[in-house]
């Protein structure tokens, strides 16, 4: 999905949000967690993947996983350069932050 600095014309082909079905899990993707256009609980979303802060984190709130993979680009602040790995097995999600050696 697009982020807040994605303003070049070619970035317009990317959506602001996306809802992905993986196995029997529903994953909502948005750049900024605080600009969601859905209620994840009401939409039966299992995981929300977001960015914006570039601070890697995985936590669960009200039965919904919140995942920020961090940033694989140039180092931001004192945060590690990282991505996330998400595995779906049936109705189960497993996520981990993977720090990249740079």
C-alpha atoms as a PDB file:
ATOM      1  CA  UNK A   1       0.000   0.000   0.000  1.00  0.00           C
ATOM      2  CA  UNK A   2       1.010   3.639  -0.384  1.00  0.00           C
ATOM      3  CA  UNK A   3       2.557   5.637   2.413  1.00  0.00           C
ATOM      4  CA  UNK A   4       2.446   9.301   3.321  1.00  0.00           C
ATOM      5  CA  UNK A   5       5.481  10.221   1.179  1.00  0.00           C
ATOM      6  CA  UNK A   6       4.417   8.216  -1.884  1.00  0.00           C
ATOM      7  CA  UNK A   7       3.424  11.162  -4.068  1.00  0.00           C
ATOM      8  CA  UNK A   8       5.028  10.362  -7.409  1.00  0.00           C
ATOM      9  CA  UNK A   9       2.499   9.617 -10.182  1.00  0.00           C
ATOM     10  CA  UNK A  10       3.555   5.953 -10.437  1.00  0.00           C
ATOM     11  CA  UNK A  11       2.633   5.344  -6.763  1.00  0.00           C
ATOM     12  CA  UNK A  12      -1.028   6.056  -7.523  1.00  0.00           C
ATOM     13  CA  UNK A  13      -1.442   2.508  -8.816  1.00  0.00           C
ATOM     14  CA  UNK A  14      -1.034   1.235  -5.246  1.00  0.00           C
ATOM     15  CA  UNK A  15      -4.090   1.311  -2.970  1.00  0.00           C
ATOM     16  CA  UNK A  16      -4.226   3.189   0.336  1.00  0.00           C
ATOM     17  CA  UNK A  17      -5.390  -0.013   2.048  1.00  0.00           C
ATOM     18  CA  UNK A  18      -5.771  -3.660   1.147  1.00  0.00           C
ATOM     19  CA  UNK A  19      -7.622  -6.609   2.619  1.00  0.00           C
ATOM     20  CA  UNK A  20      -5.889  -9.933   2.011  1.00  0.00           C
ATOM     21  CA  UNK A  21      -7.359 -13.385   2.553  1.00  0.00           C
ATOM     22  CA  UNK A  22      -4.668 -15.960   3.376  1.00  0.00           C
ATOM     23  CA  UNK A  23      -5.892 -19.430   4.234  1.00  0.00           C
ATOM     24  CA  UNK A  24      -8.851 -18.711   6.478  1.00  0.00           C
ATOM     25  CA  UNK A  25      -7.215 -15.560   7.873  1.00  0.00           C
ATOM     26  CA  UNK A  26      -8.002 -11.974   6.999  1.00  0.00           C
ATOM     27  CA  UNK A  27      -5.137  -9.449   6.955  1.00  0.00           C
ATOM     28  CA  UNK A  28      -5.738  -5.715   6.592  1.00  0.00           C
ATOM     29  CA  UNK A  29      -2.826  -3.590   5.337  1.00  0.00           C
ATOM     30  CA  UNK A  30      -2.635   0.172   5.904  1.00  0.00           C
ATOM     31  CA  UNK A  31       0.244   2.635   6.153  1.00  0.00           C
ATOM     32  CA  UNK A  32      -0.880   4.476   9.304  1.00  0.00           C
ATOM     33  CA  UNK A  33      -2.708   2.496  11.967  1.00  0.00           C
ATOM     34  CA  UNK A  34      -4.652   5.602  12.987  1.00  0.00           C
ATOM     35  CA  UNK A  35      -6.169   6.141   9.537  1.00  0.00           C
ATOM     36  CA  UNK A  36      -7.945   2.785   9.157  1.00  0.00           C
ATOM     37  CA  UNK A  37     -11.208   2.973   7.236  1.00  0.00           C
ATOM     38  CA  UNK A  38     -12.618  -0.186   8.830  1.00  0.00           C
ATOM     39  CA  UNK A  39     -13.240  -1.538  12.319  1.00  0.00           C
ATOM     40  CA  UNK A  40     -10.996  -4.635  12.362  1.00  0.00           C
ATOM     41  CA  UNK A  41     -13.172  -6.409  14.942  1.00  0.00           C
ATOM     42  CA  UNK A  42     -16.389  -5.814  13.011  1.00  0.00           C
ATOM     43  CA  UNK A  43     -14.689  -6.893   9.766  1.00  0.00           C
ATOM     44  CA  UNK A  44     -13.366 -10.114  11.377  1.00  0.00           C
ATOM     45  CA  UNK A  45      -9.774  -9.115  10.629  1.00  0.00           C
ATOM     46  CA  UNK A  46      -7.147 -11.360  12.219  1.00  0.00           C
ATOM     47  CA  UNK A  47      -4.120  -9.110  11.661  1.00  0.00           C
ATOM     48  CA  UNK A  48      -3.440  -5.481  10.785  1.00  0.00           C
ATOM     49  CA  UNK A  49      -0.100  -4.770   9.115  1.00  0.00           C
ATOM     50  CA  UNK A  50       0.943  -1.128   9.228  1.00  0.00           C
ATOM     51  CA  UNK A  51       4.029   1.046   8.994  1.00  0.00           C
ATOM     52  CA  UNK A  52       4.369   4.824   9.263  1.00  0.00           C
ATOM     53  CA  UNK A  53       6.427   4.930  12.482  1.00  0.00           C
ATOM     54  CA  UNK A  54       8.969   2.424  11.106  1.00  0.00           C
ATOM     55  CA  UNK A  55       9.225   1.021  14.648  1.00  0.00           C
ATOM     56  CA  UNK A  56       9.032  -2.788  14.449  1.00  0.00           C
ATOM     57  CA  UNK A  57       6.455  -4.325  16.755  1.00  0.00           C
ATOM     58  CA  UNK A  58       4.097  -7.250  17.160  1.00  0.00           C
ATOM     59  CA  UNK A  59       1.297  -7.112  19.694  1.00  0.00           C
ATOM     60  CA  UNK A  60      -2.203  -8.387  20.137  1.00  0.00           C
ATOM     61  CA  UNK A  61      -5.110  -6.127  21.088  1.00  0.00           C
ATOM     62  CA  UNK A  62      -8.645  -7.385  21.526  1.00  0.00           C
ATOM     63  CA  UNK A  63      -7.764 -10.626  19.720  1.00  0.00           C
ATOM     64  CA  UNK A  64      -6.291  -8.856  16.670  1.00  0.00           C
ATOM     65  CA  UNK A  65      -2.591  -8.984  15.832  1.00  0.00           C
ATOM     66  CA  UNK A  66      -0.988  -5.605  15.098  1.00  0.00           C
ATOM     67  CA  UNK A  67       2.228  -5.904  13.112  1.00  0.00           C
ATOM     68  CA  UNK A  68       4.649  -3.158  12.149  1.00  0.00           C
ATOM     69  CA  UNK A  69       7.508  -4.743  10.170  1.00  0.00           C
ATOM     70  CA  UNK A  70       9.720  -1.674  10.568  1.00  0.00           C
ATOM     71  CA  UNK A  71      11.646  -0.495   7.519  1.00  0.00           C
ATOM     72  CA  UNK A  72      13.936  -2.355   5.124  1.00  0.00           C
ATOM     73  CA  UNK A  73      15.174   0.930   3.673  1.00  0.00           C
ATOM     74  CA  UNK A  74      17.680   3.355   5.132  1.00  0.00           C
ATOM     75  CA  UNK A  75      17.881   3.206   8.923  1.00  0.00           C
ATOM     76  CA  UNK A  76      15.299   5.397  10.640  1.00  0.00           C
ATOM     77  CA  UNK A  77      16.074   6.878  14.037  1.00  0.00           C
ATOM     78  CA  UNK A  78      17.630   4.172  16.242  1.00  0.00           C
ATOM     79  CA  UNK A  79      15.324   1.427  14.935  1.00  0.00           C
ATOM     80  CA  UNK A  80      16.753  -1.726  13.406  1.00  0.00           C
ATOM     81  CA  UNK A  81      16.495  -2.248   9.656  1.00  0.00           C
ATOM     82  CA  UNK A  82      13.882  -4.994   9.500  1.00  0.00           C
ATOM     83  CA  UNK A  83      11.091  -6.826   7.725  1.00  0.00           C
ATOM     84  CA  UNK A  84       8.435  -9.193   9.017  1.00  0.00           C
ATOM     85  CA  UNK A  85       7.740 -12.804   8.169  1.00  0.00           C
ATOM     86  CA  UNK A  86       4.122 -13.957   8.450  1.00  0.00           C
ATOM     87  CA  UNK A  87       3.156 -17.616   8.214  1.00  0.00           C
ATOM     88  CA  UNK A  88      -0.438 -18.746   7.822  1.00  0.00           C
ATOM     89  CA  UNK A  89      -1.430 -22.291   8.687  1.00  0.00           C
ATOM     90  CA  UNK A  90      -5.169 -22.776   8.376  1.00  0.00           C
ATOM     91  CA  UNK A  91      -6.707 -20.303  10.798  1.00  0.00           C
ATOM     92  CA  UNK A  92      -3.455 -19.625  12.660  1.00  0.00           C
ATOM     93  CA  UNK A  93      -1.067 -16.724  12.063  1.00  0.00           C
ATOM     94  CA  UNK A  94       2.533 -16.564  13.213  1.00  0.00           C
ATOM     95  CA  UNK A  95       4.603 -13.425  12.730  1.00  0.00           C
ATOM     96  CA  UNK A  96       8.168 -12.510  13.534  1.00  0.00           C
ATOM     97  CA  UNK A  97      10.370  -9.477  13.023  1.00  0.00           C
ATOM     98  CA  UNK A  98      13.537 -10.249  11.046  1.00  0.00           C
ATOM     99  CA  UNK A  99      16.408  -7.796  11.504  1.00  0.00           C
ATOM    100  CA  UNK A 100      18.523  -7.308   8.389  1.00  0.00           C
ATOM    101  CA  UNK A 101      22.296  -7.075   8.550  1.00  0.00           C
ATOM    102  CA  UNK A 102      23.315  -3.798   6.948  1.00  0.00           C
END
